[in-house]
Amino acid sequence: MTVTFNHTIIASKDKSASAAFYRELFELPEAPSWGPFANVQLDEGVLLQFAEPPVDIQMQHYAFLVDDELFVRCLAFVEGRGITYWADPQLKRKGETNTEHGGRGFYFFDPAGHAIEIITRPYL
């Protein structure tokens, strides 16, 4: 049997706002939502399920692999919203992108405070 990633639950302060943010960032259509979740569907049926847990949200790191054209649009989206971004996970190269692993990448924080990484080439 093969192993495929199916879904993850992402804690957020406002599940609808977080889902809308990711749909806009990645230019995705609305996905059906149910129960306590606001869903965003990625390629291969992978779901990001946003929920509002009754606890303090701990920062998590999520990395997304995109093509070169979407990378440019994601960066423009982040810049257009005035979101600070960095070329490195140590947050030392503010307002820059990197060229690690033969591609491009950058880091920023989403509306819930999670560290988001956008890359154009996988690490391995």
PDB file of N, CA and C in Angstrom:
ATOM      1  N   MET A   1       0.831  -1.178   0.000  1.00  0.00           N
ATOM      2  CA  MET A   1       0.000   0.000   0.000  1.00  0.00           C
ATOM      3  C   MET A   1       0.875   1.241   0.000  1.00  0.00           C
ATOM      4  N   THR A   2       0.481   2.242  -0.766  1.00  0.00           N
ATOM      5  CA  THR A   2       1.221   3.503  -0.769  1.00  0.00           C
ATOM      6  C   THR A   2       0.718   4.394   0.362  1.00  0.00           C
ATOM      7  N   VAL A   3       1.533   5.350   0.733  1.00  0.00           N
ATOM      8  CA  VAL A   3       1.164   6.310   1.764  1.00  0.00           C
ATOM      9  C   VAL A   3       0.994   7.669   1.107  1.00  0.00           C
ATOM     10  N   THR A   4      -0.137   8.304   1.357  1.00  0.00           N
ATOM     11  CA  THR A   4      -0.432   9.624   0.814  1.00  0.00           C
ATOM     12  C   THR A   4      -0.949  10.503   1.941  1.00  0.00           C
ATOM     13  N   PHE A   5      -0.523  11.729   1.957  1.00  0.00           N
ATOM     14  CA  PHE A   5      -1.019  12.674   2.959  1.00  0.00           C
ATOM     15  C   PHE A   5      -2.436  13.075   2.578  1.00  0.00           C
ATOM     16  N   ASN A   6      -3.360  13.033   3.542  1.00  0.00           N
ATOM     17  CA  ASN A   6      -4.761  13.292   3.261  1.00  0.00           C
ATOM     18  C   ASN A   6      -5.270  14.616   3.823  1.00  0.00           C
ATOM     19  N   HIS A   7      -5.054  14.883   5.119  1.00  0.00           N
ATOM     20  CA  HIS A   7      -5.545  16.131   5.694  1.00  0.00           C
ATOM     21  C   HIS A   7      -4.823  16.444   6.994  1.00  0.00           C
ATOM     22  N   THR A   8      -4.945  17.707   7.394  1.00  0.00           N
ATOM     23  CA  THR A   8      -4.464  18.131   8.700  1.00  0.00           C
ATOM     24  C   THR A   8      -5.414  19.194   9.223  1.00  0.00           C
ATOM     25  N   ILE A   9      -5.493  19.293  10.537  1.00  0.00           N
ATOM     26  CA  ILE A   9      -6.301  20.325  11.167  1.00  0.00           C
ATOM     27  C   ILE A   9      -5.360  21.438  11.614  1.00  0.00           C
ATOM     28  N   ILE A  10      -5.686  22.647  11.205  1.00  0.00           N
ATOM     29  CA  ILE A  10      -4.878  23.817  11.549  1.00  0.00           C
ATOM     30  C   ILE A  10      -5.685  24.688  12.507  1.00  0.00           C
ATOM     31  N   ALA A  11      -5.139  24.887  13.694  1.00  0.00           N
ATOM     32  CA  ALA A  11      -5.801  25.734  14.679  1.00  0.00           C
ATOM     33  C   ALA A  11      -5.758  27.185  14.226  1.00  0.00           C
ATOM     34  N   SER A  12      -6.891  27.864  14.379  1.00  0.00           N
ATOM     35  CA  SER A  12      -6.956  29.264  13.981  1.00  0.00           C
ATOM     36  C   SER A  12      -7.833  30.046  14.946  1.00  0.00           C
ATOM     37  N   LYS A  13      -7.666  31.350  14.925  1.00  0.00           N
ATOM     38  CA  LYS A  13      -8.490  32.233  15.749  1.00  0.00           C
ATOM     39  C   LYS A  13      -9.847  32.443  15.095  1.00  0.00           C
ATOM     40  N   ASP A  14      -9.864  32.436  13.762  1.00  0.00           N
ATOM     41  CA  ASP A  14     -11.093  32.613  12.984  1.00  0.00           C
ATOM     42  C   ASP A  14     -10.988  31.669  11.791  1.00  0.00           C
ATOM     43  N   LYS A  15     -11.638  30.517  11.883  1.00  0.00           N
ATOM     44  CA  LYS A  15     -11.490  29.476  10.859  1.00  0.00           C
ATOM     45  C   LYS A  15     -11.904  29.958   9.477  1.00  0.00           C
ATOM     46  N   SER A  16     -12.967  30.745   9.390  1.00  0.00           N
ATOM     47  CA  SER A  16     -13.424  31.227   8.083  1.00  0.00           C
ATOM     48  C   SER A  16     -12.428  32.201   7.478  1.00  0.00           C
ATOM     49  N   ALA A  17     -11.893  33.104   8.290  1.00  0.00           N
ATOM     50  CA  ALA A  17     -10.898  34.062   7.796  1.00  0.00           C
ATOM     51  C   ALA A  17      -9.615  33.351   7.378  1.00  0.00           C
ATOM     52  N   SER A  18      -9.189  32.354   8.155  1.00  0.00           N
ATOM     53  CA  SER A  18      -7.975  31.609   7.798  1.00  0.00           C
ATOM     54  C   SER A  18      -8.174  30.853   6.491  1.00  0.00           C
ATOM     55  N   ALA A  19      -9.317  30.173   6.348  1.00  0.00           N
ATOM     56  CA  ALA A  19      -9.587  29.434   5.114  1.00  0.00           C
ATOM     57  C   ALA A  19      -9.622  30.388   3.923  1.00  0.00           C
ATOM     58  N   ALA A  20     -10.262  31.536   4.085  1.00  0.00           N
ATOM     59  CA  ALA A  20     -10.323  32.522   2.998  1.00  0.00           C
ATOM     60  C   ALA A  20      -8.920  33.019   2.640  1.00  0.00           C
ATOM     61  N   PHE A  21      -8.068  33.236   3.645  1.00  0.00           N
ATOM     62  CA  PHE A  21      -6.697  33.684   3.411  1.00  0.00           C
ATOM     63  C   PHE A  21      -5.951  32.686   2.528  1.00  0.00           C
ATOM     64  N   TYR A  22      -6.031  31.409   2.871  1.00  0.00           N
ATOM     65  CA  TYR A  22      -5.320  30.382   2.099  1.00  0.00           C
ATOM     66  C   TYR A  22      -5.921  30.211   0.700  1.00  0.00           C
ATOM     67  N   ARG A  23      -7.242  30.294   0.583  1.00  0.00           N
ATOM     68  CA  ARG A  23      -7.860  30.206  -0.746  1.00  0.00           C
ATOM     69  C   ARG A  23      -7.387  31.347  -1.629  1.00  0.00           C
ATOM     70  N   GLU A  24      -7.327  32.557  -1.077  1.00  0.00           N
ATOM     71  CA  GLU A  24      -6.859  33.700  -1.850  1.00  0.00           C
ATOM     72  C   GLU A  24      -5.376  33.571  -2.181  1.00  0.00           C
ATOM     73  N   LEU A  25      -4.569  33.188  -1.191  1.00  0.00           N
ATOM     74  CA  LEU A  25      -3.126  33.042  -1.401  1.00  0.00           C
ATOM     75  C   LEU A  25      -2.832  32.062  -2.529  1.00  0.00           C
ATOM     76  N   PHE A  26      -3.498  30.923  -2.527  1.00  0.00           N
ATOM     77  CA  PHE A  26      -3.224  29.867  -3.500  1.00  0.00           C
ATOM     78  C   PHE A  26      -4.208  29.826  -4.670  1.00  0.00           C
ATOM     79  N   GLU A  27      -5.091  30.833  -4.730  1.00  0.00           N
ATOM     80  CA  GLU A  27      -6.033  30.964  -5.850  1.00  0.00           C
ATOM     81  C   GLU A  27      -6.892  29.706  -6.001  1.00  0.00           C
ATOM     82  N   LEU A  28      -7.499  29.290  -4.904  1.00  0.00           N
ATOM     83  CA  LEU A  28      -8.285  28.058  -4.872  1.00  0.00           C
ATOM     84  C   LEU A  28      -9.782  28.363  -4.742  1.00  0.00           C
ATOM     85  N   PRO A  29     -10.626  27.497  -5.303  1.00  0.00           N
ATOM     86  CA  PRO A  29     -12.071  27.684  -5.126  1.00  0.00           C
ATOM     87  C   PRO A  29     -12.503  27.253  -3.728  1.00  0.00           C
ATOM     88  N   GLU A  30     -13.709  27.629  -3.342  1.00  0.00           N
ATOM     89  CA  GLU A  30     -14.260  27.186  -2.062  1.00  0.00           C
ATOM     90  C   GLU A  30     -14.432  25.678  -2.081  1.00  0.00           C
ATOM     91  N   ALA A  31     -14.248  25.067  -0.917  1.00  0.00           N
ATOM     92  CA  ALA A  31     -14.443  23.619  -0.756  1.00  0.00           C
ATOM     93  C   ALA A  31     -15.572  23.407   0.237  1.00  0.00           C
ATOM     94  N   PRO A  32     -16.282  22.287   0.150  1.00  0.00           N
ATOM     95  CA  PRO A  32     -17.321  22.009   1.136  1.00  0.00           C
ATOM     96  C   PRO A  32     -16.721  21.944   2.546  1.00  0.00           C
ATOM     97  N   SER A  33     -17.424  22.507   3.506  1.00  0.00           N
ATOM     98  CA  SER A  33     -16.998  22.469   4.902  1.00  0.00           C
ATOM     99  C   SER A  33     -18.088  21.792   5.714  1.00  0.00           C
ATOM    100  N   TRP A  34     -17.719  21.245   6.868  1.00  0.00           N
ATOM    101  CA  TRP A  34     -18.689  20.569   7.722  1.00  0.00           C
ATOM    102  C   TRP A  34     -18.228  20.627   9.166  1.00  0.00           C
ATOM    103  N   GLY A  35     -19.189  20.418  10.049  1.00  0.00           N
ATOM    104  CA  GLY A  35     -18.877  20.380  11.479  1.00  0.00           C
ATOM    105  C   GLY A  35     -18.084  21.590  11.909  1.00  0.00           C
ATOM    106  N   PRO A  36     -17.036  21.378  12.686  1.00  0.00           N
ATOM    107  CA  PRO A  36     -16.246  22.497  13.204  1.00  0.00           C
ATOM    108  C   PRO A  36     -15.175  22.999  12.238  1.00  0.00           C
ATOM    109  N   PHE A  37     -15.188  22.540  10.984  1.00  0.00           N
ATOM    110  CA  PHE A  37     -14.098  22.839  10.057  1.00  0.00           C
ATOM    111  C   PHE A  37     -14.502  23.761   8.917  1.00  0.00           C
ATOM    112  N   ALA A  38     -13.564  24.636   8.547  1.00  0.00           N
ATOM    113  CA  ALA A  38     -13.621  25.377   7.292  1.00  0.00           C
ATOM    114  C   ALA A  38     -12.498  24.777   6.452  1.00  0.00           C
ATOM    115  N   ASN A  39     -12.853  24.165   5.330  1.00  0.00           N
ATOM    116  CA  ASN A  39     -11.898  23.390   4.551  1.00  0.00           C
ATOM    117  C   ASN A  39     -11.330  24.154   3.367  1.00  0.00           C
ATOM    118  N   VAL A  40     -10.081  23.844   3.056  1.00  0.00           N
ATOM    119  CA  VAL A  40      -9.418  24.290   1.840  1.00  0.00           C
ATOM    120  C   VAL A  40      -8.860  23.030   1.200  1.00  0.00           C
ATOM    121  N   GLN A  41      -9.190  22.814  -0.070  1.00  0.00           N
ATOM    122  CA  GLN A  41      -8.724  21.605  -0.748  1.00  0.00           C
ATOM    123  C   GLN A  41      -7.574  21.940  -1.680  1.00  0.00           C
ATOM    124  N   LEU A  42      -6.456  21.229  -1.473  1.00  0.00           N
ATOM    125  CA  LEU A  42      -5.270  21.353  -2.322  1.00  0.00           C
ATOM    126  C   LEU A  42      -5.301  20.255  -3.373  1.00  0.00           C
ATOM    127  N   ASP A  43      -4.272  20.191  -4.194  1.00  0.00           N
ATOM    128  CA  ASP A  43      -4.161  19.131  -5.197  1.00  0.00           C
ATOM    129  C   ASP A  43      -4.161  17.758  -4.533  1.00  0.00           C
ATOM    130  N   GLU A  44      -4.537  16.747  -5.305  1.00  0.00           N
ATOM    131  CA  GLU A  44      -4.561  15.356  -4.855  1.00  0.00           C
ATOM    132  C   GLU A  44      -5.566  15.130  -3.720  1.00  0.00           C
ATOM    133  N   GLY A  45      -6.529  16.035  -3.545  1.00  0.00           N
ATOM    134  CA  GLY A  45      -7.551  15.865  -2.527  1.00  0.00           C
ATOM    135  C   GLY A  45      -7.115  16.179  -1.107  1.00  0.00           C
ATOM    136  N   VAL A  46      -5.926  16.730  -0.927  1.00  0.00           N
ATOM    137  CA  VAL A  46      -5.433  17.059   0.411  1.00  0.00           C
ATOM    138  C   VAL A  46      -6.269  18.198   0.990  1.00  0.00           C
ATOM    139  N   LEU A  47      -6.723  18.021   2.227  1.00  0.00           N
ATOM    140  CA  LEU A  47      -7.530  19.041   2.892  1.00  0.00           C
ATOM    141  C   LEU A  47      -6.749  19.731   3.997  1.00  0.00           C
ATOM    142  N   LEU A  48      -6.862  21.054   4.029  1.00  0.00           N
ATOM    143  CA  LEU A  48      -6.469  21.836   5.190  1.00  0.00           C
ATOM    144  C   LEU A  48      -7.784  22.132   5.901  1.00  0.00           C
ATOM    145  N   GLN A  49      -7.922  21.678   7.122  1.00  0.00           N
ATOM    146  CA  GLN A  49      -9.155  21.862   7.868  1.00  0.00           C
ATOM    147  C   GLN A  49      -8.893  22.839   9.009  1.00  0.00           C
ATOM    148  N   PHE A  50      -9.481  24.023   8.898  1.00  0.00           N
ATOM    149  CA  PHE A  50      -9.281  25.056   9.905  1.00  0.00           C
ATOM    150  C   PHE A  50     -10.347  24.924  10.981  1.00  0.00           C
ATOM    151  N   ALA A  51      -9.915  24.981  12.240  1.00  0.00           N
ATOM    152  CA  ALA A  51     -10.813  24.863  13.383  1.00  0.00           C
ATOM    153  C   ALA A  51     -10.405  25.887  14.435  1.00  0.00           C
ATOM    154  N   GLU A  52     -11.331  26.182  15.326  1.00  0.00           N
ATOM    155  CA  GLU A  52     -11.102  27.150  16.400  1.00  0.00           C
ATOM    156  C   GLU A  52     -11.115  26.418  17.743  1.00  0.00           C
ATOM    157  N   PRO A  53      -9.979  25.838  18.139  1.00  0.00           N
ATOM    158  CA  PRO A  53      -9.956  25.096  19.405  1.00  0.00           C
ATOM    159  C   PRO A  53     -10.031  26.051  20.596  1.00  0.00           C
ATOM    160  N   PRO A  54     -10.583  25.584  21.702  1.00  0.00           N
ATOM    161  CA  PRO A  54     -10.711  26.439  22.890  1.00  0.00           C
ATOM    162  C   PRO A  54      -9.430  26.463  23.729  1.00  0.00           C
ATOM    163  N   VAL A  55      -8.300  26.605  23.059  1.00  0.00           N
ATOM    164  CA  VAL A  55      -6.997  26.629  23.738  1.00  0.00           C
ATOM    165  C   VAL A  55      -6.131  27.702  23.084  1.00  0.00           C
ATOM    166  N   ASP A  56      -5.043  28.052  23.741  1.00  0.00           N
ATOM    167  CA  ASP A  56      -4.082  28.958  23.125  1.00  0.00           C
ATOM    168  C   ASP A  56      -3.455  28.257  21.930  1.00  0.00           C
ATOM    169  N   ILE A  57      -3.316  28.967  20.832  1.00  0.00           N
ATOM    170  CA  ILE A  57      -2.768  28.391  19.609  1.00  0.00           C
ATOM    171  C   ILE A  57      -1.244  28.431  19.666  1.00  0.00           C
ATOM    172  N   GLN A  58      -0.641  27.288  19.459  1.00  0.00           N
ATOM    173  CA  GLN A  58       0.812  27.193  19.379  1.00  0.00           C
ATOM    174  C   GLN A  58       1.229  27.271  17.918  1.00  0.00           C
ATOM    175  N   MET A  59       2.251  28.047  17.642  1.00  0.00           N
ATOM    176  CA  MET A  59       2.722  28.196  16.278  1.00  0.00           C
ATOM    177  C   MET A  59       3.169  26.850  15.707  1.00  0.00           C
ATOM    178  N   GLN A  60       2.770  26.588  14.497  1.00  0.00           N
ATOM    179  CA  GLN A  60       3.214  25.423  13.737  1.00  0.00           C
ATOM    180  C   GLN A  60       3.873  25.927  12.458  1.00  0.00           C
ATOM    181  N   HIS A  61       4.607  25.062  11.792  1.00  0.00           N
ATOM    182  CA  HIS A  61       5.246  25.403  10.520  1.00  0.00           C
ATOM    183  C   HIS A  61       4.601  24.574   9.422  1.00  0.00           C
ATOM    184  N   TYR A  62       4.193  25.242   8.351  1.00  0.00           N
ATOM    185  CA  TYR A  62       3.606  24.569   7.190  1.00  0.00           C
ATOM    186  C   TYR A  62       4.341  25.067   5.949  1.00  0.00           C
ATOM    187  N   ALA A  63       4.833  24.140   5.132  1.00  0.00           N
ATOM    188  CA  ALA A  63       5.544  24.491   3.900  1.00  0.00           C
ATOM    189  C   ALA A  63       4.722  24.035   2.704  1.00  0.00           C
ATOM    190  N   PHE A  64       4.636  24.894   1.698  1.00  0.00           N
ATOM    191  CA  PHE A  64       3.855  24.605   0.502  1.00  0.00           C
ATOM    192  C   PHE A  64       4.752  24.704  -0.734  1.00  0.00           C
ATOM    193  N   LEU A  65       4.684  23.675  -1.554  1.00  0.00           N
ATOM    194  CA  LEU A  65       5.431  23.616  -2.802  1.00  0.00           C
ATOM    195  C   LEU A  65       4.527  24.137  -3.917  1.00  0.00           C
ATOM    196  N   VAL A  66       4.980  25.182  -4.602  1.00  0.00           N
ATOM    197  CA  VAL A  66       4.205  25.781  -5.687  1.00  0.00           C
ATOM    198  C   VAL A  66       5.093  25.899  -6.925  1.00  0.00           C
ATOM    199  N   ASP A  67       4.471  26.103  -8.092  1.00  0.00           N
ATOM    200  CA  ASP A  67       5.282  26.316  -9.292  1.00  0.00           C
ATOM    201  C   ASP A  67       5.793  27.758  -9.314  1.00  0.00           C
ATOM    202  N   ASP A  68       6.690  28.040 -10.243  1.00  0.00           N
ATOM    203  CA  ASP A  68       7.330  29.358 -10.294  1.00  0.00           C
ATOM    204  C   ASP A  68       6.321  30.486 -10.505  1.00  0.00           C
ATOM    205  N   GLU A  69       5.317  30.249 -11.337  1.00  0.00           N
ATOM    206  CA  GLU A  69       4.334  31.291 -11.620  1.00  0.00           C
ATOM    207  C   GLU A  69       3.486  31.599 -10.385  1.00  0.00           C
ATOM    208  N   LEU A  70       3.031  30.561  -9.674  1.00  0.00           N
ATOM    209  CA  LEU A  70       2.242  30.797  -8.470  1.00  0.00           C
ATOM    210  C   LEU A  70       3.099  31.413  -7.371  1.00  0.00           C
ATOM    211  N   PHE A  71       4.378  31.063  -7.321  1.00  0.00           N
ATOM    212  CA  PHE A  71       5.286  31.662  -6.346  1.00  0.00           C
ATOM    213  C   PHE A  71       5.270  33.183  -6.482  1.00  0.00           C
ATOM    214  N   VAL A  72       5.394  33.660  -7.709  1.00  0.00           N
ATOM    215  CA  VAL A  72       5.408  35.109  -7.964  1.00  0.00           C
ATOM    216  C   VAL A  72       4.097  35.734  -7.489  1.00  0.00           C
ATOM    217  N   ARG A  73       2.985  35.066  -7.754  1.00  0.00           N
ATOM    218  CA  ARG A  73       1.681  35.598  -7.346  1.00  0.00           C
ATOM    219  C   ARG A  73       1.498  35.525  -5.825  1.00  0.00           C
ATOM    220  N   CYS A  74       2.010  34.460  -5.190  1.00  0.00           N
ATOM    221  CA  CYS A  74       1.939  34.364  -3.728  1.00  0.00           C
ATOM    222  C   CYS A  74       2.749  35.489  -3.082  1.00  0.00           C
ATOM    223  N   LEU A  75       3.932  35.721  -3.600  1.00  0.00           N
ATOM    224  CA  LEU A  75       4.766  36.799  -3.066  1.00  0.00           C
ATOM    225  C   LEU A  75       4.070  38.142  -3.252  1.00  0.00           C
ATOM    226  N   ALA A  76       3.459  38.377  -4.406  1.00  0.00           N
ATOM    227  CA  ALA A  76       2.731  39.622  -4.647  1.00  0.00           C
ATOM    228  C   ALA A  76       1.547  39.754  -3.690  1.00  0.00           C
ATOM    229  N   PHE A  77       0.863  38.640  -3.415  1.00  0.00           N
ATOM    230  CA  PHE A  77      -0.255  38.630  -2.467  1.00  0.00           C
ATOM    231  C   PHE A  77       0.227  39.062  -1.082  1.00  0.00           C
ATOM    232  N   VAL A  78       1.321  38.469  -0.621  1.00  0.00           N
ATOM    233  CA  VAL A  78       1.874  38.782   0.692  1.00  0.00           C
ATOM    234  C   VAL A  78       2.314  40.246   0.740  1.00  0.00           C
ATOM    235  N   GLU A  79       3.039  40.682  -0.269  1.00  0.00           N
ATOM    236  CA  GLU A  79       3.479  42.078  -0.311  1.00  0.00           C
ATOM    237  C   GLU A  79       2.289  43.032  -0.380  1.00  0.00           C
ATOM    238  N   GLY A  80       1.287  42.685  -1.178  1.00  0.00           N
ATOM    239  CA  GLY A  80       0.111  43.528  -1.336  1.00  0.00           C
ATOM    240  C   GLY A  80      -0.684  43.693  -0.051  1.00  0.00           C
ATOM    241  N   ARG A  81      -0.601  42.727   0.824  1.00  0.00           N
ATOM    242  CA  ARG A  81      -1.287  42.803   2.115  1.00  0.00           C
ATOM    243  C   ARG A  81      -0.409  43.423   3.201  1.00  0.00           C
ATOM    244  N   GLY A  82       0.817  43.795   2.835  1.00  0.00           N
ATOM    245  CA  GLY A  82       1.716  44.393   3.818  1.00  0.00           C
ATOM    246  C   GLY A  82       2.225  43.409   4.849  1.00  0.00           C
ATOM    247  N   ILE A  83       2.253  42.119   4.491  1.00  0.00           N
ATOM    248  CA  ILE A  83       2.729  41.079   5.403  1.00  0.00           C
ATOM    249  C   ILE A  83       4.251  41.005   5.326  1.00  0.00           C
ATOM    250  N   THR A  84       4.899  41.061   6.461  1.00  0.00           N
ATOM    251  CA  THR A  84       6.357  40.949   6.512  1.00  0.00           C
ATOM    252  C   THR A  84       6.758  39.531   6.143  1.00  0.00           C
ATOM    253  N   TYR A  85       7.821  39.405   5.345  1.00  0.00           N
ATOM    254  CA  TYR A  85       8.327  38.090   4.966  1.00  0.00           C
ATOM    255  C   TYR A  85       9.844  38.091   5.015  1.00  0.00           C
ATOM    256  N   TRP A  86      10.406  36.891   5.063  1.00  0.00           N
ATOM    257  CA  TRP A  86      11.845  36.710   5.189  1.00  0.00           C
ATOM    258  C   TRP A  86      12.324  35.622   4.240  1.00  0.00           C
ATOM    259  N   ALA A  87      13.610  35.650   3.931  1.00  0.00           N
ATOM    260  CA  ALA A  87      14.231  34.622   3.095  1.00  0.00           C
ATOM    261  C   ALA A  87      14.649  33.404   3.906  1.00  0.00           C
ATOM    262  N   ASP A  88      14.680  33.533   5.225  1.00  0.00           N
ATOM    263  CA  ASP A  88      15.225  32.478   6.076  1.00  0.00           C
ATOM    264  C   ASP A  88      14.324  32.202   7.280  1.00  0.00           C
ATOM    265  N   PRO A  89      14.387  30.965   7.795  1.00  0.00           N
ATOM    266  CA  PRO A  89      13.545  30.626   8.949  1.00  0.00           C
ATOM    267  C   PRO A  89      14.000  31.299  10.249  1.00  0.00           C
ATOM    268  N   GLN A  90      15.190  31.851  10.266  1.00  0.00           N
ATOM    269  CA  GLN A  90      15.666  32.569  11.447  1.00  0.00           C
ATOM    270  C   GLN A  90      15.170  34.017  11.468  1.00  0.00           C
ATOM    271  N   LEU A  91      14.476  34.421  10.390  1.00  0.00           N
ATOM    272  CA  LEU A  91      13.870  35.753  10.275  1.00  0.00           C
ATOM    273  C   LEU A  91      14.908  36.872  10.332  1.00  0.00           C
ATOM    274  N   LYS A  92      16.023  36.653   9.658  1.00  0.00           N
ATOM    275  CA  LYS A  92      17.088  37.653   9.635  1.00  0.00           C
ATOM    276  C   LYS A  92      17.127  38.426   8.310  1.00  0.00           C
ATOM    277  N   ARG A  93      16.623  37.829   7.228  1.00  0.00           N
ATOM    278  CA  ARG A  93      16.700  38.454   5.901  1.00  0.00           C
ATOM    279  C   ARG A  93      15.313  38.955   5.484  1.00  0.00           C
ATOM    280  N   LYS A  94      14.892  40.007   6.147  1.00  0.00           N
ATOM    281  CA  LYS A  94      13.561  40.587   5.957  1.00  0.00           C
ATOM    282  C   LYS A  94      13.406  41.170   4.546  1.00  0.00           C
ATOM    283  N   GLY A  95      12.230  40.890   3.944  1.00  0.00           N
ATOM    284  CA  GLY A  95      11.915  41.452   2.633  1.00  0.00           C
ATOM    285  C   GLY A  95      12.676  40.815   1.483  1.00  0.00           C
ATOM    286  N   GLU A  96      13.262  39.653   1.721  1.00  0.00           N
ATOM    287  CA  GLU A  96      14.015  38.945   0.682  1.00  0.00           C
ATOM    288  C   GLU A  96      13.416  37.564   0.448  1.00  0.00           C
ATOM    289  N   THR A  97      13.773  36.967  -0.694  1.00  0.00           N
ATOM    290  CA  THR A  97      13.471  35.565  -0.963  1.00  0.00           C
ATOM    291  C   THR A  97      14.794  34.828  -1.044  1.00  0.00           C
ATOM    292  N   ASN A  98      14.741  33.504  -0.961  1.00  0.00           N
ATOM    293  CA  ASN A  98      15.976  32.721  -1.045  1.00  0.00           C
ATOM    294  C   ASN A  98      16.010  31.914  -2.341  1.00  0.00           C
ATOM    295  N   THR A  99      17.167  31.334  -2.618  1.00  0.00           N
ATOM    296  CA  THR A  99      17.348  30.464  -3.792  1.00  0.00           C
ATOM    297  C   THR A  99      17.903  29.117  -3.347  1.00  0.00           C
ATOM    298  N   GLU A 100      17.351  28.606  -2.256  1.00  0.00           N
ATOM    299  CA  GLU A 100      17.793  27.321  -1.715  1.00  0.00           C
ATOM    300  C   GLU A 100      17.305  26.161  -2.577  1.00  0.00           C
ATOM    301  N   HIS A 101      18.063  25.083  -2.609  1.00  0.00           N
ATOM    302  CA  HIS A 101      17.670  23.820  -3.243  1.00  0.00           C
ATOM    303  C   HIS A 101      17.316  23.988  -4.726  1.00  0.00           C
ATOM    304  N   GLY A 102      17.922  24.967  -5.378  1.00  0.00           N
ATOM    305  CA  GLY A 102      17.694  25.155  -6.805  1.00  0.00           C
ATOM    306  C   GLY A 102      16.390  25.843  -7.149  1.00  0.00           C
ATOM    307  N   GLY A 103      15.701  26.382  -6.157  1.00  0.00           N
ATOM    308  CA  GLY A 103      14.440  27.078  -6.394  1.00  0.00           C
ATOM    309  C   GLY A 103      14.412  28.392  -5.648  1.00  0.00           C
ATOM    310  N   ARG A 104      13.213  28.843  -5.347  1.00  0.00           N
ATOM    311  CA  ARG A 104      13.030  30.080  -4.592  1.00  0.00           C
ATOM    312  C   ARG A 104      12.134  29.785  -3.391  1.00  0.00           C
ATOM    313  N   GLY A 105      12.254  30.615  -2.355  1.00  0.00           N
ATOM    314  CA  GLY A 105      11.417  30.430  -1.190  1.00  0.00           C
ATOM    315  C   GLY A 105      11.348  31.666  -0.327  1.00  0.00           C
ATOM    316  N   PHE A 106      10.314  31.696   0.539  1.00  0.00           N
ATOM    317  CA  PHE A 106      10.208  32.740   1.545  1.00  0.00           C
ATOM    318  C   PHE A 106       9.309  32.264   2.675  1.00  0.00           C
ATOM    319  N   TYR A 107       9.354  32.983   3.795  1.00  0.00           N
ATOM    320  CA  TYR A 107       8.635  32.649   5.018  1.00  0.00           C
ATOM    321  C   TYR A 107       7.820  33.854   5.469  1.00  0.00           C
ATOM    322  N   PHE A 108       6.668  33.590   6.077  1.00  0.00           N
ATOM    323  CA  PHE A 108       5.847  34.644   6.671  1.00  0.00           C
ATOM    324  C   PHE A 108       4.914  33.998   7.685  1.00  0.00           C
ATOM    325  N   PHE A 109       4.154  34.820   8.390  1.00  0.00           N
ATOM    326  CA  PHE A 109       3.194  34.313   9.356  1.00  0.00           C
ATOM    327  C   PHE A 109       1.777  34.514   8.834  1.00  0.00           C
ATOM    328  N   ASP A 110       0.951  33.475   8.982  1.00  0.00           N
ATOM    329  CA  ASP A 110      -0.447  33.569   8.556  1.00  0.00           C
ATOM    330  C   ASP A 110      -1.263  34.304   9.620  1.00  0.00           C
ATOM    331  N   PRO A 111      -2.559  34.532   9.393  1.00  0.00           N
ATOM    332  CA  PRO A 111      -3.362  35.294  10.360  1.00  0.00           C
ATOM    333  C   PRO A 111      -3.445  34.671  11.756  1.00  0.00           C
ATOM    334  N   ALA A 112      -3.246  33.361  11.884  1.00  0.00           N
ATOM    335  CA  ALA A 112      -3.279  32.706  13.193  1.00  0.00           C
ATOM    336  C   ALA A 112      -1.906  32.663  13.858  1.00  0.00           C
ATOM    337  N   GLY A 113      -0.868  33.148  13.161  1.00  0.00           N
ATOM    338  CA  GLY A 113       0.478  33.155  13.722  1.00  0.00           C
ATOM    339  C   GLY A 113       1.327  31.947  13.377  1.00  0.00           C
ATOM    340  N   HIS A 114       0.865  31.117  12.426  1.00  0.00           N
ATOM    341  CA  HIS A 114       1.660  29.968  11.995  1.00  0.00           C
ATOM    342  C   HIS A 114       2.733  30.416  11.003  1.00  0.00           C
ATOM    343  N   ALA A 115       3.896  29.774  11.065  1.00  0.00           N
ATOM    344  CA  ALA A 115       5.002  30.065  10.158  1.00  0.00           C
ATOM    345  C   ALA A 115       4.750  29.335   8.840  1.00  0.00           C
ATOM    346  N   ILE A 116       4.641  30.095   7.768  1.00  0.00           N
ATOM    347  CA  ILE A 116       4.355  29.540   6.450  1.00  0.00           C
ATOM    348  C   ILE A 116       5.590  29.685   5.569  1.00  0.00           C
ATOM    349  N   GLU A 117       5.902  28.630   4.859  1.00  0.00           N
ATOM    350  CA  GLU A 117       7.024  28.625   3.919  1.00  0.00           C
ATOM    351  C   GLU A 117       6.475  28.314   2.540  1.00  0.00           C
ATOM    352  N   ILE A 118       6.853  29.116   1.568  1.00  0.00           N
ATOM    353  CA  ILE A 118       6.474  28.899   0.169  1.00  0.00           C
ATOM    354  C   ILE A 118       7.766  28.589  -0.577  1.00  0.00           C
ATOM    355  N   ILE A 119       7.812  27.428  -1.257  1.00  0.00           N
ATOM    356  CA  ILE A 119       9.008  27.026  -1.999  1.00  0.00           C
ATOM    357  C   ILE A 119       8.639  26.560  -3.400  1.00  0.00           C
ATOM    358  N   THR A 120       9.611  26.621  -4.303  1.00  0.00           N
ATOM    359  CA  THR A 120       9.375  26.171  -5.672  1.00  0.00           C
ATOM    360  C   THR A 120      10.061  24.854  -6.007  1.00  0.00           C
ATOM    361  N   ARG A 121      10.916  24.376  -5.126  1.00  0.00           N
ATOM    362  CA  ARG A 121      11.581  23.083  -5.327  1.00  0.00           C
ATOM    363  C   ARG A 121      11.575  22.322  -4.007  1.00  0.00           C
ATOM    364  N   PRO A 122      11.339  21.014  -4.058  1.00  0.00           N
ATOM    365  CA  PRO A 122      11.377  20.244  -2.803  1.00  0.00           C
ATOM    366  C   PRO A 122      12.811  20.131  -2.288  1.00  0.00           C
ATOM    367  N   TYR A 123      12.952  19.896  -1.002  1.00  0.00           N
ATOM    368  CA  TYR A 123      14.267  19.754  -0.399  1.00  0.00           C
ATOM    369  C   TYR A 123      14.973  18.480  -0.827  1.00  0.00           C
ATOM    370  N   LEU A 124      14.231  17.414  -1.024  1.00  0.00           N
ATOM    371  CA  LEU A 124      14.811  16.125  -1.417  1.00  0.00           C
ATOM    372  C   LEU A 124      14.289  15.703  -2.764  1.00  0.00           C
TER     373      LEU A 124
END
